[in-house]
N, C-alpha and C. Protein backbone atom coordinates (compact mmCIF):
# COMPACT_ATOMS: atom_id res chain seq x y z
N UNK A 1 127.37 -1.18 183.95
CA UNK A 1 127.40 -0.51 182.65
C UNK A 1 127.03 0.97 182.82
N UNK A 2 127.85 1.81 182.24
CA UNK A 2 127.55 3.24 182.34
C UNK A 2 126.36 3.59 181.46
N UNK A 3 125.54 4.47 181.98
CA UNK A 3 124.39 4.91 181.18
C UNK A 3 124.84 5.84 180.07
N UNK A 4 124.11 5.81 178.97
CA UNK A 4 124.44 6.67 177.83
C UNK A 4 124.10 8.11 178.15
N UNK A 5 124.82 9.02 177.53
CA UNK A 5 124.52 10.45 177.72
C UNK A 5 123.14 10.75 177.16
N UNK A 6 122.39 11.65 177.81
CA UNK A 6 121.05 11.98 177.34
C UNK A 6 121.06 12.64 175.98
N UNK A 7 120.00 12.39 175.22
CA UNK A 7 119.83 13.09 173.94
C UNK A 7 119.67 14.57 174.21
N UNK A 8 120.18 15.39 173.29
CA UNK A 8 120.14 16.83 173.51
C UNK A 8 119.46 17.51 172.33
N UNK A 9 118.92 18.69 172.58
CA UNK A 9 118.19 19.43 171.58
C UNK A 9 119.00 20.63 171.13
N UNK A 10 119.24 20.73 169.82
CA UNK A 10 119.99 21.86 169.30
C UNK A 10 119.11 23.10 169.29
N UNK A 11 119.72 24.26 169.56
CA UNK A 11 119.00 25.52 169.55
C UNK A 11 119.84 26.56 168.84
N UNK A 12 119.27 27.25 167.87
CA UNK A 12 120.01 28.26 167.13
C UNK A 12 119.06 29.20 166.45
N UNK A 13 119.60 30.16 165.72
CA UNK A 13 118.79 31.14 165.02
C UNK A 13 117.97 30.49 163.92
N UNK A 14 118.33 29.29 163.48
CA UNK A 14 117.57 28.62 162.43
C UNK A 14 116.11 28.47 162.83
N UNK A 15 115.80 28.47 164.12
CA UNK A 15 114.43 28.30 164.59
C UNK A 15 113.65 29.62 164.59
N UNK A 16 114.34 30.74 164.33
CA UNK A 16 113.72 32.02 164.61
C UNK A 16 113.09 32.69 163.41
N UNK A 17 113.75 32.65 162.23
CA UNK A 17 113.23 33.41 161.11
C UNK A 17 113.62 34.88 161.23
N UNK A 18 113.24 35.67 160.21
CA UNK A 18 113.66 37.07 160.18
C UNK A 18 112.48 38.02 160.09
N UNK A 19 111.27 37.54 160.46
CA UNK A 19 110.11 38.39 160.30
C UNK A 19 110.08 39.54 161.30
N UNK A 20 110.90 39.49 162.35
CA UNK A 20 110.87 40.54 163.37
C UNK A 20 112.28 40.80 163.87
N UNK A 21 113.14 41.29 162.98
CA UNK A 21 114.53 41.52 163.36
C UNK A 21 114.63 42.67 164.36
N UNK A 22 115.56 42.53 165.27
CA UNK A 22 115.72 43.51 166.33
C UNK A 22 116.30 44.83 165.80
N UNK A 23 115.79 45.93 166.34
CA UNK A 23 116.36 47.24 166.05
C UNK A 23 117.15 47.77 167.24
N UNK A 24 117.46 46.91 168.17
CA UNK A 24 118.21 47.29 169.35
C UNK A 24 119.59 47.82 168.93
N UNK A 25 119.93 49.03 169.38
CA UNK A 25 121.20 49.63 169.00
C UNK A 25 122.39 48.86 169.57
N UNK A 26 122.14 48.09 170.63
CA UNK A 26 123.21 47.29 171.25
C UNK A 26 123.04 45.81 170.90
N UNK A 27 122.38 45.54 169.78
CA UNK A 27 122.08 44.15 169.41
C UNK A 27 123.34 43.29 169.39
N UNK A 28 124.36 43.72 168.66
CA UNK A 28 125.56 42.89 168.51
C UNK A 28 126.25 42.68 169.86
N UNK A 29 126.35 43.73 170.64
CA UNK A 29 127.00 43.62 171.96
C UNK A 29 126.28 42.62 172.85
N UNK A 30 124.94 42.71 172.91
CA UNK A 30 124.16 41.81 173.75
C UNK A 30 124.22 40.38 173.23
N UNK A 31 124.15 40.23 171.91
CA UNK A 31 124.22 38.91 171.30
C UNK A 31 125.53 38.22 171.63
N UNK A 32 126.64 38.91 171.43
CA UNK A 32 127.96 38.32 171.69
C UNK A 32 128.09 37.93 173.16
N UNK A 33 127.57 38.77 174.05
CA UNK A 33 127.63 38.50 175.48
C UNK A 33 126.89 37.21 175.83
N UNK A 34 125.66 37.08 175.35
CA UNK A 34 124.83 35.93 175.73
C UNK A 34 125.32 34.65 175.06
N UNK A 35 125.65 34.71 173.79
CA UNK A 35 126.16 33.51 173.11
C UNK A 35 127.47 33.06 173.76
N UNK A 36 128.27 34.03 174.21
CA UNK A 36 129.49 33.67 174.92
C UNK A 36 129.21 32.89 176.19
N UNK A 37 128.15 33.26 176.90
CA UNK A 37 127.76 32.50 178.10
C UNK A 37 127.37 31.08 177.74
N UNK A 38 126.66 30.92 176.61
CA UNK A 38 126.21 29.59 176.20
C UNK A 38 127.37 28.69 175.75
N UNK A 39 128.27 29.26 174.96
CA UNK A 39 129.34 28.45 174.37
C UNK A 39 130.54 28.28 175.30
N UNK A 40 130.75 29.25 176.18
CA UNK A 40 131.91 29.17 177.09
C UNK A 40 131.49 29.72 178.45
N UNK A 41 130.67 28.96 179.18
CA UNK A 41 130.18 29.45 180.48
C UNK A 41 131.32 29.66 181.46
N UNK A 42 131.21 30.68 182.30
CA UNK A 42 132.28 30.95 183.27
C UNK A 42 132.37 29.87 184.34
N UNK A 43 133.56 29.71 184.90
CA UNK A 43 133.75 28.74 185.96
C UNK A 43 133.17 29.26 187.27
N UNK A 44 132.87 28.32 188.17
CA UNK A 44 132.30 28.65 189.48
C UNK A 44 131.07 29.55 189.33
N UNK A 45 130.22 29.19 188.36
CA UNK A 45 129.03 29.99 188.08
C UNK A 45 127.96 29.10 187.48
N UNK A 46 126.73 29.56 187.57
CA UNK A 46 125.61 28.91 186.91
C UNK A 46 124.99 29.92 185.95
N UNK A 47 124.66 29.46 184.75
CA UNK A 47 124.00 30.31 183.75
C UNK A 47 122.53 29.88 183.67
N UNK A 48 121.65 30.81 183.97
CA UNK A 48 120.22 30.53 184.00
C UNK A 48 119.50 31.40 182.97
N UNK A 49 118.71 30.76 182.11
CA UNK A 49 117.84 31.49 181.18
C UNK A 49 116.49 31.67 181.87
N UNK A 50 116.11 32.90 182.12
CA UNK A 50 114.93 33.18 182.94
C UNK A 50 113.89 33.98 182.17
N UNK A 51 112.63 33.63 182.40
CA UNK A 51 111.53 34.42 181.83
C UNK A 51 110.25 34.08 182.58
N UNK A 52 109.22 34.89 182.33
CA UNK A 52 107.90 34.64 182.90
C UNK A 52 106.96 34.20 181.79
N UNK A 53 106.27 33.11 182.01
CA UNK A 53 105.18 32.70 181.11
C UNK A 53 103.90 33.18 181.77
N UNK A 54 103.41 34.33 181.33
CA UNK A 54 102.31 34.99 182.01
C UNK A 54 100.96 34.59 181.45
N UNK A 55 99.93 34.81 182.26
CA UNK A 55 98.54 34.61 181.84
C UNK A 55 98.29 33.19 181.29
N UNK A 56 98.83 32.18 181.98
CA UNK A 56 98.52 30.79 181.61
C UNK A 56 97.10 30.51 182.09
N UNK A 57 96.23 30.13 181.18
CA UNK A 57 94.83 30.00 181.51
C UNK A 57 94.47 28.59 181.98
N UNK A 58 93.69 28.54 183.05
CA UNK A 58 93.10 27.28 183.50
C UNK A 58 91.80 27.08 182.73
N UNK A 59 91.87 26.30 181.65
CA UNK A 59 90.73 26.10 180.78
C UNK A 59 90.03 24.78 181.11
N UNK A 60 88.76 24.87 181.35
CA UNK A 60 87.94 23.68 181.62
C UNK A 60 87.17 23.37 180.35
N UNK A 61 87.57 22.33 179.63
CA UNK A 61 86.92 21.97 178.37
C UNK A 61 85.50 21.47 178.61
N UNK A 62 84.60 21.84 177.71
CA UNK A 62 83.20 21.42 177.83
C UNK A 62 83.08 19.90 177.66
N UNK A 63 83.93 19.34 176.79
CA UNK A 63 83.95 17.89 176.57
C UNK A 63 85.39 17.41 176.67
N UNK A 64 85.56 16.19 177.11
CA UNK A 64 86.89 15.62 177.24
C UNK A 64 87.53 15.42 175.86
N UNK A 65 88.82 15.66 175.76
CA UNK A 65 89.54 15.43 174.52
C UNK A 65 89.74 13.93 174.30
N UNK A 66 89.81 13.55 173.03
CA UNK A 66 90.07 12.15 172.68
C UNK A 66 91.48 12.03 172.15
N UNK A 67 92.26 11.06 172.64
CA UNK A 67 93.64 10.92 172.19
C UNK A 67 93.72 10.39 170.76
N UNK A 68 94.88 10.61 170.16
CA UNK A 68 95.10 10.08 168.82
C UNK A 68 95.13 8.56 168.87
N UNK A 69 94.62 7.92 167.80
CA UNK A 69 94.64 6.47 167.69
C UNK A 69 94.70 6.10 166.22
N UNK A 70 95.06 4.87 165.89
CA UNK A 70 95.14 4.49 164.47
C UNK A 70 93.83 4.77 163.74
N UNK A 71 93.95 5.52 162.64
CA UNK A 71 92.78 5.82 161.83
C UNK A 71 92.00 7.04 162.29
N UNK A 72 92.43 7.69 163.41
CA UNK A 72 91.70 8.86 163.88
C UNK A 72 92.66 9.85 164.54
N UNK A 73 92.54 11.09 164.14
CA UNK A 73 93.36 12.13 164.74
C UNK A 73 92.84 12.45 166.14
N UNK A 74 93.69 12.99 166.97
CA UNK A 74 93.25 13.43 168.28
C UNK A 74 92.26 14.58 168.15
N UNK A 75 91.34 14.68 169.09
CA UNK A 75 90.32 15.73 169.03
C UNK A 75 90.36 16.55 170.32
N UNK A 76 89.95 17.82 170.20
CA UNK A 76 89.88 18.70 171.36
C UNK A 76 88.83 19.76 171.09
N UNK A 77 87.83 19.84 171.95
CA UNK A 77 86.77 20.82 171.75
C UNK A 77 87.30 22.24 171.90
N UNK A 78 86.72 23.16 171.14
CA UNK A 78 87.11 24.56 171.24
C UNK A 78 86.24 25.32 172.25
N UNK A 79 85.26 24.65 172.82
CA UNK A 79 84.41 25.27 173.83
C UNK A 79 85.01 25.03 175.21
N UNK A 80 85.16 26.09 175.96
CA UNK A 80 85.79 25.94 177.27
C UNK A 80 85.31 27.05 178.21
N UNK A 81 85.58 26.83 179.47
CA UNK A 81 85.30 27.80 180.51
C UNK A 81 86.62 28.26 181.11
N UNK A 82 86.79 29.57 181.24
CA UNK A 82 88.01 30.12 181.82
C UNK A 82 87.89 30.13 183.35
N UNK A 83 88.89 29.56 184.01
CA UNK A 83 88.84 29.48 185.48
C UNK A 83 89.98 30.25 186.14
N UNK A 84 90.49 31.26 185.46
CA UNK A 84 91.56 32.07 186.04
C UNK A 84 92.91 31.79 185.40
N UNK A 85 93.92 32.49 185.85
CA UNK A 85 95.26 32.39 185.27
C UNK A 85 96.34 32.33 186.34
N UNK A 86 97.51 31.90 185.93
CA UNK A 86 98.70 31.97 186.77
C UNK A 86 99.86 32.38 185.91
N UNK A 87 100.96 32.79 186.54
CA UNK A 87 102.19 33.13 185.83
C UNK A 87 103.31 32.23 186.34
N UNK A 88 104.00 31.58 185.41
CA UNK A 88 105.13 30.74 185.77
C UNK A 88 106.42 31.52 185.60
N UNK A 89 107.15 31.69 186.69
CA UNK A 89 108.51 32.22 186.64
C UNK A 89 109.44 31.02 186.55
N UNK A 90 110.31 31.02 185.55
CA UNK A 90 111.16 29.85 185.33
C UNK A 90 112.58 30.27 184.99
N UNK A 91 113.55 29.51 185.49
CA UNK A 91 114.97 29.74 185.21
C UNK A 91 115.59 28.40 184.82
N UNK A 92 115.99 28.29 183.56
CA UNK A 92 116.56 27.07 183.00
C UNK A 92 118.07 27.07 183.17
N UNK A 93 118.58 26.05 183.83
CA UNK A 93 120.04 25.87 183.98
C UNK A 93 120.58 25.37 182.64
N UNK A 94 121.38 26.19 181.99
CA UNK A 94 121.86 25.86 180.65
C UNK A 94 122.69 24.58 180.64
N UNK A 95 123.47 24.35 181.68
CA UNK A 95 124.35 23.18 181.72
C UNK A 95 123.60 21.88 181.97
N UNK A 96 122.66 21.89 182.90
CA UNK A 96 122.02 20.64 183.32
C UNK A 96 120.63 20.41 182.72
N UNK A 97 119.95 21.47 182.30
CA UNK A 97 118.58 21.34 181.83
C UNK A 97 117.54 21.38 182.94
N UNK A 98 117.98 21.47 184.19
CA UNK A 98 117.03 21.58 185.29
C UNK A 98 116.41 22.98 185.32
N UNK A 99 115.21 23.07 185.86
CA UNK A 99 114.49 24.34 185.87
C UNK A 99 114.05 24.68 187.29
N UNK A 100 114.39 25.88 187.71
CA UNK A 100 113.82 26.44 188.94
C UNK A 100 112.53 27.14 188.53
N UNK A 101 111.40 26.72 189.08
CA UNK A 101 110.13 27.27 188.66
C UNK A 101 109.23 27.60 189.83
N UNK A 102 108.40 28.62 189.64
CA UNK A 102 107.49 29.04 190.70
C UNK A 102 106.28 29.72 190.07
N UNK A 103 105.08 29.26 190.41
CA UNK A 103 103.85 29.88 189.92
C UNK A 103 103.41 30.97 190.90
N UNK A 104 103.18 32.15 190.37
CA UNK A 104 102.77 33.30 191.17
C UNK A 104 101.56 33.95 190.52
N UNK A 105 100.72 34.61 191.31
CA UNK A 105 99.45 35.10 190.77
C UNK A 105 99.58 36.27 189.82
N UNK A 106 100.64 37.08 189.97
CA UNK A 106 100.77 38.26 189.13
C UNK A 106 102.18 38.37 188.56
N UNK A 107 102.39 39.44 187.80
CA UNK A 107 103.59 39.57 186.99
C UNK A 107 104.17 40.97 187.19
N UNK A 108 104.60 41.25 188.43
CA UNK A 108 105.10 42.58 188.78
C UNK A 108 106.51 42.46 189.34
N UNK A 109 107.10 43.61 189.67
CA UNK A 109 108.46 43.56 190.20
C UNK A 109 108.49 42.86 191.56
N UNK A 110 107.39 42.91 192.31
CA UNK A 110 107.37 42.24 193.62
C UNK A 110 107.47 40.72 193.43
N UNK A 111 106.78 40.19 192.43
CA UNK A 111 106.88 38.75 192.15
C UNK A 111 108.27 38.40 191.60
N UNK A 112 108.82 39.28 190.78
CA UNK A 112 110.16 39.03 190.26
C UNK A 112 111.18 38.98 191.40
N UNK A 113 111.04 39.89 192.36
CA UNK A 113 111.93 39.87 193.53
C UNK A 113 111.77 38.58 194.32
N UNK A 114 110.53 38.14 194.47
CA UNK A 114 110.29 36.88 195.18
C UNK A 114 111.00 35.73 194.47
N UNK A 115 110.95 35.73 193.14
CA UNK A 115 111.60 34.65 192.39
C UNK A 115 113.12 34.76 192.47
N UNK A 116 113.64 35.97 192.47
CA UNK A 116 115.09 36.13 192.66
C UNK A 116 115.53 35.53 193.98
N UNK A 117 114.73 35.72 195.02
CA UNK A 117 115.06 35.14 196.32
C UNK A 117 115.01 33.61 196.27
N UNK A 118 114.05 33.09 195.50
CA UNK A 118 113.98 31.64 195.32
C UNK A 118 115.23 31.12 194.64
N UNK A 119 115.67 31.79 193.58
CA UNK A 119 116.90 31.40 192.90
C UNK A 119 118.08 31.46 193.86
N UNK A 120 118.13 32.51 194.67
CA UNK A 120 119.23 32.69 195.61
C UNK A 120 119.31 31.52 196.60
N UNK A 121 118.14 31.02 197.00
CA UNK A 121 118.11 29.86 197.91
C UNK A 121 118.50 28.57 197.19
N UNK A 122 118.09 28.44 195.92
CA UNK A 122 118.30 27.19 195.20
C UNK A 122 119.74 27.00 194.72
N UNK A 123 120.39 28.09 194.34
CA UNK A 123 121.75 27.99 193.81
C UNK A 123 122.74 27.95 194.97
N UNK A 124 123.62 26.96 195.01
CA UNK A 124 124.56 26.82 196.12
C UNK A 124 125.40 28.07 196.33
N UNK A 125 125.71 28.35 197.60
CA UNK A 125 126.61 29.46 197.93
C UNK A 125 127.96 29.21 197.26
N UNK A 126 128.59 30.29 196.87
CA UNK A 126 129.90 30.18 196.24
C UNK A 126 129.85 30.21 194.73
N UNK A 127 128.66 30.06 194.15
CA UNK A 127 128.51 30.13 192.70
C UNK A 127 127.97 31.49 192.30
N UNK A 128 128.57 32.07 191.27
CA UNK A 128 128.02 33.27 190.67
C UNK A 128 126.76 32.89 189.87
N UNK A 129 125.83 33.82 189.73
CA UNK A 129 124.57 33.56 189.03
C UNK A 129 124.45 34.52 187.86
N UNK A 130 124.49 33.97 186.64
CA UNK A 130 124.32 34.77 185.43
C UNK A 130 122.92 34.52 184.89
N UNK A 131 122.09 35.56 184.88
CA UNK A 131 120.71 35.45 184.43
C UNK A 131 120.56 36.07 183.05
N UNK A 132 120.08 35.27 182.10
CA UNK A 132 119.71 35.77 180.77
C UNK A 132 118.23 36.06 180.80
N UNK A 133 117.82 37.29 180.49
CA UNK A 133 116.41 37.66 180.57
C UNK A 133 116.12 38.82 179.64
N UNK A 134 114.82 39.11 179.46
CA UNK A 134 114.44 40.15 178.51
C UNK A 134 114.39 41.52 179.18
N UNK A 135 113.93 42.51 178.42
CA UNK A 135 113.99 43.89 178.85
C UNK A 135 112.71 44.38 179.51
N UNK A 136 111.89 43.45 180.00
CA UNK A 136 110.64 43.83 180.64
C UNK A 136 110.92 44.80 181.80
N UNK A 137 110.06 45.81 181.95
CA UNK A 137 110.33 46.89 182.91
C UNK A 137 110.51 46.38 184.34
N UNK A 138 109.79 45.31 184.71
CA UNK A 138 109.90 44.80 186.08
C UNK A 138 111.32 44.33 186.39
N UNK A 139 112.06 43.90 185.37
CA UNK A 139 113.42 43.41 185.59
C UNK A 139 114.40 44.54 185.90
N UNK A 140 113.97 45.80 185.65
CA UNK A 140 114.85 46.95 185.86
C UNK A 140 114.28 47.91 186.90
N UNK A 141 113.31 47.45 187.66
CA UNK A 141 112.67 48.30 188.66
C UNK A 141 113.69 48.71 189.73
N UNK A 142 113.48 49.88 190.31
CA UNK A 142 114.43 50.39 191.32
C UNK A 142 114.58 49.43 192.50
N UNK A 143 113.48 48.78 192.90
CA UNK A 143 113.56 47.83 194.01
C UNK A 143 114.42 46.62 193.64
N UNK A 144 114.33 46.21 192.39
CA UNK A 144 115.16 45.10 191.90
C UNK A 144 116.62 45.51 191.90
N UNK A 145 116.91 46.72 191.44
CA UNK A 145 118.29 47.19 191.39
C UNK A 145 118.89 47.29 192.79
N UNK A 146 118.08 47.71 193.76
CA UNK A 146 118.57 47.77 195.15
C UNK A 146 118.87 46.37 195.67
N UNK A 147 118.01 45.40 195.35
CA UNK A 147 118.25 44.02 195.79
C UNK A 147 119.52 43.47 195.15
N UNK A 148 119.70 43.73 193.87
CA UNK A 148 120.89 43.24 193.17
C UNK A 148 122.16 43.84 193.75
N UNK A 149 122.09 45.09 194.16
CA UNK A 149 123.26 45.74 194.75
C UNK A 149 123.69 45.05 196.04
N UNK A 150 122.74 44.44 196.73
CA UNK A 150 123.04 43.72 197.98
C UNK A 150 123.38 42.25 197.72
N UNK A 151 123.24 41.80 196.49
CA UNK A 151 123.53 40.40 196.14
C UNK A 151 124.45 40.40 194.91
N UNK A 152 125.71 40.74 195.10
CA UNK A 152 126.62 40.95 193.97
C UNK A 152 126.95 39.70 193.18
N UNK A 153 126.54 38.52 193.64
CA UNK A 153 126.82 37.33 192.83
C UNK A 153 125.86 37.22 191.65
N UNK A 154 124.79 38.03 191.63
CA UNK A 154 123.84 38.02 190.52
C UNK A 154 124.30 38.98 189.42
N UNK A 155 124.30 38.48 188.18
CA UNK A 155 124.68 39.28 187.02
C UNK A 155 123.59 39.12 185.97
N UNK A 156 122.97 40.23 185.55
CA UNK A 156 121.89 40.18 184.59
C UNK A 156 122.41 40.46 183.18
N UNK A 157 121.97 39.65 182.23
CA UNK A 157 122.35 39.79 180.83
C UNK A 157 121.06 39.92 180.02
N UNK A 158 120.80 41.11 179.50
CA UNK A 158 119.54 41.37 178.81
C UNK A 158 119.65 41.02 177.32
N UNK A 159 118.64 40.29 176.84
CA UNK A 159 118.58 39.98 175.42
C UNK A 159 118.24 41.24 174.63
N UNK A 160 118.63 41.31 173.36
CA UNK A 160 118.19 42.44 172.54
C UNK A 160 116.67 42.44 172.40
N UNK A 161 116.09 43.59 172.11
CA UNK A 161 114.65 43.64 171.89
C UNK A 161 114.28 42.76 170.70
N UNK A 162 113.07 42.21 170.74
CA UNK A 162 112.55 41.33 169.67
C UNK A 162 113.45 40.14 169.41
N UNK A 163 114.04 39.60 170.46
CA UNK A 163 114.98 38.48 170.30
C UNK A 163 114.72 37.39 171.32
N UNK A 164 113.46 37.03 171.50
CA UNK A 164 113.13 35.98 172.47
C UNK A 164 113.77 34.66 172.10
N UNK A 165 114.08 34.44 170.80
CA UNK A 165 114.73 33.21 170.36
C UNK A 165 116.10 33.02 171.00
N UNK A 166 116.67 34.11 171.54
CA UNK A 166 118.00 34.02 172.14
C UNK A 166 117.95 33.51 173.58
N UNK A 167 116.76 33.41 174.14
CA UNK A 167 116.59 32.92 175.51
C UNK A 167 116.11 31.48 175.46
N UNK A 168 116.95 30.55 175.90
CA UNK A 168 116.63 29.13 175.73
C UNK A 168 115.48 28.65 176.60
N UNK A 169 115.07 29.41 177.61
CA UNK A 169 113.93 28.97 178.41
C UNK A 169 112.66 28.96 177.57
N UNK A 170 112.64 29.72 176.45
CA UNK A 170 111.47 29.71 175.58
C UNK A 170 111.25 28.32 174.99
N UNK A 171 112.33 27.58 174.76
CA UNK A 171 112.20 26.21 174.27
C UNK A 171 111.55 25.33 175.32
N UNK A 172 111.91 25.56 176.57
CA UNK A 172 111.28 24.80 177.66
C UNK A 172 109.80 25.13 177.75
N UNK A 173 109.43 26.39 177.61
CA UNK A 173 108.02 26.77 177.65
C UNK A 173 107.24 26.06 176.54
N UNK A 174 107.86 25.90 175.38
CA UNK A 174 107.20 25.19 174.30
C UNK A 174 106.93 23.74 174.66
N UNK A 175 107.90 23.08 175.29
CA UNK A 175 107.70 21.70 175.72
C UNK A 175 106.63 21.60 176.80
N UNK A 176 106.63 22.56 177.71
CA UNK A 176 105.62 22.59 178.76
C UNK A 176 104.22 22.71 178.16
N UNK A 177 104.06 23.58 177.20
CA UNK A 177 102.77 23.74 176.52
C UNK A 177 102.32 22.41 175.90
N UNK A 178 103.22 21.79 175.15
CA UNK A 178 102.87 20.57 174.43
C UNK A 178 102.51 19.42 175.36
N UNK A 179 103.24 19.28 176.44
CA UNK A 179 103.12 18.07 177.25
C UNK A 179 102.23 18.22 178.49
N UNK A 180 101.98 19.46 178.93
CA UNK A 180 101.26 19.60 180.21
C UNK A 180 100.09 20.56 180.19
N UNK A 181 100.02 21.47 179.21
CA UNK A 181 99.01 22.52 179.28
C UNK A 181 98.01 22.48 178.14
N UNK A 182 98.48 22.41 176.91
CA UNK A 182 97.62 22.68 175.75
C UNK A 182 96.38 21.80 175.71
N UNK A 183 96.52 20.53 176.01
CA UNK A 183 95.38 19.62 175.93
C UNK A 183 94.78 19.31 177.31
N UNK A 184 95.21 20.07 178.31
CA UNK A 184 94.75 19.79 179.67
C UNK A 184 93.36 20.34 179.95
N UNK A 185 92.73 19.77 180.97
CA UNK A 185 91.44 20.23 181.48
C UNK A 185 91.67 20.63 182.93
N UNK A 186 91.44 21.90 183.24
CA UNK A 186 91.76 22.42 184.57
C UNK A 186 90.51 23.09 185.15
N UNK A 187 90.01 22.51 186.22
CA UNK A 187 88.79 23.03 186.84
C UNK A 187 89.05 24.27 187.70
N UNK A 188 90.33 24.53 187.98
CA UNK A 188 90.68 25.68 188.82
C UNK A 188 92.15 26.02 188.60
N UNK A 189 92.55 27.20 189.06
CA UNK A 189 93.96 27.58 188.98
C UNK A 189 94.84 26.62 189.78
N UNK A 190 94.45 26.21 190.99
CA UNK A 190 95.28 25.21 191.69
C UNK A 190 95.49 23.93 190.88
N UNK A 191 94.47 23.48 190.14
CA UNK A 191 94.65 22.30 189.30
C UNK A 191 95.71 22.56 188.23
N UNK A 192 95.67 23.75 187.64
CA UNK A 192 96.67 24.12 186.62
C UNK A 192 98.06 24.15 187.23
N UNK A 193 98.19 24.74 188.41
CA UNK A 193 99.49 24.83 189.06
C UNK A 193 100.04 23.45 189.38
N UNK A 194 99.18 22.53 189.82
CA UNK A 194 99.62 21.16 190.10
C UNK A 194 100.19 20.53 188.83
N UNK A 195 99.52 20.74 187.69
CA UNK A 195 100.00 20.17 186.43
C UNK A 195 101.36 20.74 186.05
N UNK A 196 101.54 22.05 186.23
CA UNK A 196 102.82 22.68 185.91
C UNK A 196 103.91 22.17 186.84
N UNK A 197 103.62 22.12 188.13
CA UNK A 197 104.63 21.67 189.10
C UNK A 197 104.97 20.19 188.89
N UNK A 198 103.99 19.39 188.51
CA UNK A 198 104.26 17.98 188.22
C UNK A 198 105.21 17.84 187.04
N UNK A 199 105.01 18.68 186.03
CA UNK A 199 105.90 18.64 184.87
C UNK A 199 107.31 19.10 185.25
N UNK A 200 107.40 20.12 186.09
CA UNK A 200 108.71 20.59 186.55
C UNK A 200 109.46 19.49 187.29
N UNK A 201 108.76 18.78 188.16
CA UNK A 201 109.39 17.68 188.91
C UNK A 201 109.89 16.60 187.95
N UNK A 202 109.06 16.23 186.97
CA UNK A 202 109.44 15.20 186.01
C UNK A 202 110.64 15.66 185.18
N UNK A 203 110.64 16.91 184.75
CA UNK A 203 111.76 17.43 183.98
C UNK A 203 113.05 17.39 184.79
N UNK A 204 112.99 17.79 186.04
CA UNK A 204 114.19 17.87 186.86
C UNK A 204 114.69 16.50 187.31
N UNK A 205 113.81 15.50 187.28
CA UNK A 205 114.22 14.14 187.62
C UNK A 205 115.06 13.53 186.50
N UNK A 206 114.81 13.94 185.27
CA UNK A 206 115.55 13.40 184.12
C UNK A 206 115.73 14.52 183.10
N UNK A 207 116.53 15.54 183.43
CA UNK A 207 116.61 16.72 182.57
C UNK A 207 117.37 16.46 181.27
N UNK A 208 116.96 17.14 180.23
CA UNK A 208 117.65 17.09 178.94
C UNK A 208 118.05 18.51 178.57
N UNK A 209 119.31 18.85 178.71
CA UNK A 209 119.72 20.23 178.42
C UNK A 209 119.64 20.53 176.92
N UNK A 210 119.32 21.77 176.61
CA UNK A 210 119.42 22.24 175.24
C UNK A 210 120.87 22.63 174.99
N UNK A 211 121.34 22.42 173.78
CA UNK A 211 122.72 22.78 173.45
C UNK A 211 122.70 23.87 172.38
N UNK A 212 123.30 24.99 172.70
CA UNK A 212 123.38 26.09 171.73
C UNK A 212 124.51 25.78 170.75
N UNK A 213 124.20 25.81 169.44
CA UNK A 213 125.18 25.38 168.44
C UNK A 213 125.72 26.51 167.58
N UNK A 214 125.06 27.66 167.55
CA UNK A 214 125.46 28.73 166.64
C UNK A 214 126.43 29.70 167.31
N UNK A 215 127.46 30.09 166.59
CA UNK A 215 128.37 31.11 167.09
C UNK A 215 127.77 32.49 166.86
N UNK A 216 128.29 33.47 167.59
CA UNK A 216 127.81 34.84 167.39
C UNK A 216 128.09 35.30 165.96
N UNK A 217 129.23 34.91 165.42
CA UNK A 217 129.58 35.33 164.06
C UNK A 217 128.60 34.78 163.04
N UNK A 218 128.21 33.51 163.19
CA UNK A 218 127.28 32.92 162.22
C UNK A 218 125.90 33.56 162.33
N UNK A 219 125.49 33.89 163.55
CA UNK A 219 124.19 34.54 163.72
C UNK A 219 124.21 35.93 163.11
N UNK A 220 125.27 36.69 163.35
CA UNK A 220 125.35 38.04 162.80
C UNK A 220 125.33 38.01 161.28
N UNK A 221 125.96 37.01 160.69
CA UNK A 221 125.94 36.90 159.24
C UNK A 221 124.53 36.60 158.74
N UNK A 222 123.80 35.74 159.43
CA UNK A 222 122.41 35.46 159.05
C UNK A 222 121.53 36.69 159.22
N UNK A 223 121.79 37.45 160.27
CA UNK A 223 121.02 38.68 160.48
C UNK A 223 121.29 39.67 159.36
N UNK A 224 122.54 39.78 158.96
CA UNK A 224 122.87 40.69 157.85
C UNK A 224 122.13 40.27 156.58
N UNK A 225 122.14 38.96 156.29
CA UNK A 225 121.42 38.50 155.10
C UNK A 225 119.92 38.75 155.24
N UNK A 226 119.41 38.57 156.46
CA UNK A 226 117.99 38.81 156.68
C UNK A 226 117.62 40.26 156.45
N UNK A 227 118.48 41.17 156.89
CA UNK A 227 118.20 42.59 156.69
C UNK A 227 118.24 42.95 155.19
N UNK A 228 119.18 42.37 154.48
CA UNK A 228 119.26 42.61 153.04
C UNK A 228 117.97 42.12 152.36
N UNK A 229 117.49 40.95 152.74
CA UNK A 229 116.25 40.41 152.16
C UNK A 229 115.07 41.30 152.46
N UNK A 230 114.97 41.76 153.72
CA UNK A 230 113.85 42.63 154.10
C UNK A 230 113.93 43.96 153.38
N UNK A 231 115.14 44.52 153.24
CA UNK A 231 115.28 45.78 152.51
C UNK A 231 114.87 45.62 151.06
N UNK A 232 115.20 44.47 150.47
CA UNK A 232 114.84 44.23 149.06
C UNK A 232 113.32 44.15 148.90
N UNK A 233 112.65 43.53 149.88
CA UNK A 233 111.20 43.42 149.82
C UNK A 233 110.55 44.79 149.98
N UNK A 234 111.14 45.62 150.85
CA UNK A 234 110.55 46.93 151.14
C UNK A 234 110.77 47.94 150.01
N UNK A 235 111.82 47.71 149.22
CA UNK A 235 112.16 48.70 148.19
C UNK A 235 111.39 48.49 146.90
């Protein structure tokens, strides 16, 4: 008997709201480019949504949390000890839902270059690599541009400013928070990294891809309505 297709999670502007609309002068151009990758990915290529989840804290709770049970909500003490931080570099494969992930101590262009090399090793030769990512300065550093010039299969697609909702890896970060970090007790940064890596392994063993459902035209129309609403409030 063939197994059923995995359940999928819809992702669209409906999740974003209009409280922080982008003022990027190239908003429409960037939006159309990225949504086009989601709805009609190129052949012989992989589309990866990439971002850094920085300053993840290894929090050691003063008291153990109690799980939810009938008649009682789950509990979690607000008293904790900080045991350091790590940064997760992650690239979500839009087609499969698998994630290339790596925890690194800092969040600089040198770490970004290290992660690019990791992606280069993980993605099979012969496939083009389309990276959706934000406008953080490290992504445009001169050393990064020199590396990209030597690796022409990499193509960077920058999201508009104030548009993190357009990068689907943010949905993965939300799941990671809920299932592996938020209620965790970590006595050290290595303990935190083990929890993150364990979740990555579990995700990649049975991945559930997110499916982008909104067209660029429908998003632009919602943005136009959002701007009209904001202008009315401001006037």
